[in-house]
Amino acid sequence: MEPILNKIIIRKSVDKKTKSGLILPNAESIKPSIGIVISTGKGTPKHPINLEAGDHILYKQNTEVPLEDGTSLVLYENVVAVL
């Protein structure tokens, strides 16, 4: 499956530590949405996507759409940071 335009396919990450060494809290009330980019669309002429497969991202909570193969679809606008 290949996403179109400003969509990204991710696999949710269960890691508690980011690549840069940042340790995320393990509280039940705080559930950061972290994923690994599997593939990206090409973006739009005004808003190209600046992510590559393998990037770890933080995205807005509850904005992903689960797919049948265990991955999720996220809009590029919902990406908060690259970790």
C-alpha atoms as a PDB file:
ATOM      1  CA  MET A   1       0.000   0.000   0.000  1.00  0.00           C
ATOM      2  CA  GLU A   2       1.331   3.421  -0.925  1.00  0.00           C
ATOM      3  CA  PRO A   3      -0.189   6.545   0.648  1.00  0.00           C
ATOM      4  CA  ILE A   4      -1.114   9.554  -1.487  1.00  0.00           C
ATOM      5  CA  LEU A   5      -0.656  13.308  -1.007  1.00  0.00           C
ATOM      6  CA  ASN A   6      -0.157  14.279   2.653  1.00  0.00           C
ATOM      7  CA  LYS A   7      -0.678  10.862   4.223  1.00  0.00           C
ATOM      8  CA  ILE A   8       1.844   8.747   6.117  1.00  0.00           C
ATOM      9  CA  ILE A   9       1.756   5.063   7.038  1.00  0.00           C
ATOM     10  CA  ILE A  10       3.302   4.332  10.432  1.00  0.00           C
ATOM     11  CA  ARG A  11       3.802   1.458  12.820  1.00  0.00           C
ATOM     12  CA  LYS A  12       3.173   2.409  16.436  1.00  0.00           C
ATOM     13  CA  SER A  13       6.300   2.317  18.536  1.00  0.00           C
ATOM     14  CA  VAL A  14       6.369   0.694  21.953  1.00  0.00           C
ATOM     15  CA  ASP A  15       9.821   2.039  22.791  1.00  0.00           C
ATOM     16  CA  LYS A  16      10.043   4.104  25.942  1.00  0.00           C
ATOM     17  CA  LYS A  17      13.264   5.817  24.866  1.00  0.00           C
ATOM     18  CA  THR A  18      13.776   7.965  21.761  1.00  0.00           C
ATOM     19  CA  LYS A  19      16.818   7.828  19.476  1.00  0.00           C
ATOM     20  CA  SER A  20      18.144  11.009  21.060  1.00  0.00           C
ATOM     21  CA  GLY A  21      17.988   9.432  24.533  1.00  0.00           C
ATOM     22  CA  LEU A  22      14.813  11.135  25.743  1.00  0.00           C
ATOM     23  CA  ILE A  23      12.972   8.809  28.118  1.00  0.00           C
ATOM     24  CA  LEU A  24       9.207   9.051  27.906  1.00  0.00           C
ATOM     25  CA  PRO A  25       7.022   8.809  31.030  1.00  0.00           C
ATOM     26  CA  ASN A  26       5.268   5.514  31.659  1.00  0.00           C
ATOM     27  CA  ALA A  27       2.159   6.915  33.352  1.00  0.00           C
ATOM     28  CA  GLU A  28      -1.199   5.496  32.290  1.00  0.00           C
ATOM     29  CA  SER A  29      -2.649   8.997  31.961  1.00  0.00           C
ATOM     30  CA  ILE A  30       0.100  10.086  29.562  1.00  0.00           C
ATOM     31  CA  LYS A  31       0.047   8.143  26.317  1.00  0.00           C
ATOM     32  CA  PRO A  32       2.313   9.750  23.749  1.00  0.00           C
ATOM     33  CA  SER A  33       1.593   8.796  20.183  1.00  0.00           C
ATOM     34  CA  ILE A  34       4.916   7.715  18.746  1.00  0.00           C
ATOM     35  CA  GLY A  35       5.371   5.837  15.527  1.00  0.00           C
ATOM     36  CA  ILE A  36       7.908   4.761  12.952  1.00  0.00           C
ATOM     37  CA  VAL A  37       7.324   5.956   9.396  1.00  0.00           C
ATOM     38  CA  ILE A  38       6.810   3.044   6.993  1.00  0.00           C
ATOM     39  CA  SER A  39       6.015   5.068   3.864  1.00  0.00           C
ATOM     40  CA  THR A  40       4.835   8.537   2.884  1.00  0.00           C
ATOM     41  CA  GLY A  41       2.875  10.192   0.134  1.00  0.00           C
ATOM     42  CA  LYS A  42       4.531  12.852  -1.992  1.00  0.00           C
ATOM     43  CA  GLY A  43       2.780  15.756  -0.304  1.00  0.00           C
ATOM     44  CA  THR A  44       1.412  18.699  -2.237  1.00  0.00           C
ATOM     45  CA  PRO A  45       3.280  21.374  -4.197  1.00  0.00           C
ATOM     46  CA  LYS A  46       2.803  23.849  -1.336  1.00  0.00           C
ATOM     47  CA  HIS A  47       3.458  21.313   1.450  1.00  0.00           C
ATOM     48  CA  PRO A  48       6.002  18.619   0.581  1.00  0.00           C
ATOM     49  CA  ILE A  49       6.524  15.850   3.127  1.00  0.00           C
ATOM     50  CA  ASN A  50       9.928  16.022   4.808  1.00  0.00           C
ATOM     51  CA  LEU A  51       9.916  12.532   6.318  1.00  0.00           C
ATOM     52  CA  GLU A  52      11.578   9.299   5.268  1.00  0.00           C
ATOM     53  CA  ALA A  53      10.894   5.656   6.039  1.00  0.00           C
ATOM     54  CA  GLY A  54      12.410   4.786   9.413  1.00  0.00           C
ATOM     55  CA  ASP A  55      11.923   8.214  11.009  1.00  0.00           C
ATOM     56  CA  HIS A  56      10.448   8.182  14.526  1.00  0.00           C
ATOM     57  CA  ILE A  57       7.647  10.721  14.887  1.00  0.00           C
ATOM     58  CA  LEU A  58       5.425  12.139  17.597  1.00  0.00           C
ATOM     59  CA  TYR A  59       1.897  12.778  16.356  1.00  0.00           C
ATOM     60  CA  LYS A  60      -1.324  14.142  17.853  1.00  0.00           C
ATOM     61  CA  GLN A  61      -3.107  11.599  20.011  1.00  0.00           C
ATOM     62  CA  ASN A  62      -6.113   9.762  18.526  1.00  0.00           C
ATOM     63  CA  THR A  63      -5.531  11.028  14.983  1.00  0.00           C
ATOM     64  CA  GLU A  64      -4.389   7.746  13.438  1.00  0.00           C
ATOM     65  CA  VAL A  65      -6.613   5.432  11.394  1.00  0.00           C
ATOM     66  CA  PRO A  66      -5.811   1.755  12.019  1.00  0.00           C
ATOM     67  CA  LEU A  67      -5.236  -0.407   8.937  1.00  0.00           C
ATOM     68  CA  GLU A  68      -5.759  -4.165   8.613  1.00  0.00           C
ATOM     69  CA  ASP A  69      -2.051  -5.044   8.536  1.00  0.00           C
ATOM     70  CA  GLY A  70      -1.331  -3.520  11.971  1.00  0.00           C
ATOM     71  CA  THR A  71      -0.080  -0.194  10.629  1.00  0.00           C
ATOM     72  CA  SER A  72      -1.877   3.142  10.885  1.00  0.00           C
ATOM     73  CA  LEU A  73      -2.533   6.075   8.568  1.00  0.00           C
ATOM     74  CA  VAL A  74      -1.685   9.573   9.853  1.00  0.00           C
ATOM     75  CA  LEU A  75      -2.068  12.942   8.135  1.00  0.00           C
ATOM     76  CA  TYR A  76       1.179  14.915   7.815  1.00  0.00           C
ATOM     77  CA  GLU A  77      -0.529  17.897   9.515  1.00  0.00           C
ATOM     78  CA  ASN A  78      -0.859  15.802  12.690  1.00  0.00           C
ATOM     79  CA  VAL A  79       2.886  15.169  13.006  1.00  0.00           C
ATOM     80  CA  VAL A  80       4.198  17.229  15.920  1.00  0.00           C
ATOM     81  CA  ALA A  81       7.896  16.351  15.885  1.00  0.00           C
ATOM     82  CA  VAL A  82      10.556  14.075  14.476  1.00  0.00           C
ATOM     83  CA  LEU A  83      12.387  12.326  17.309  1.00  0.00           C
END
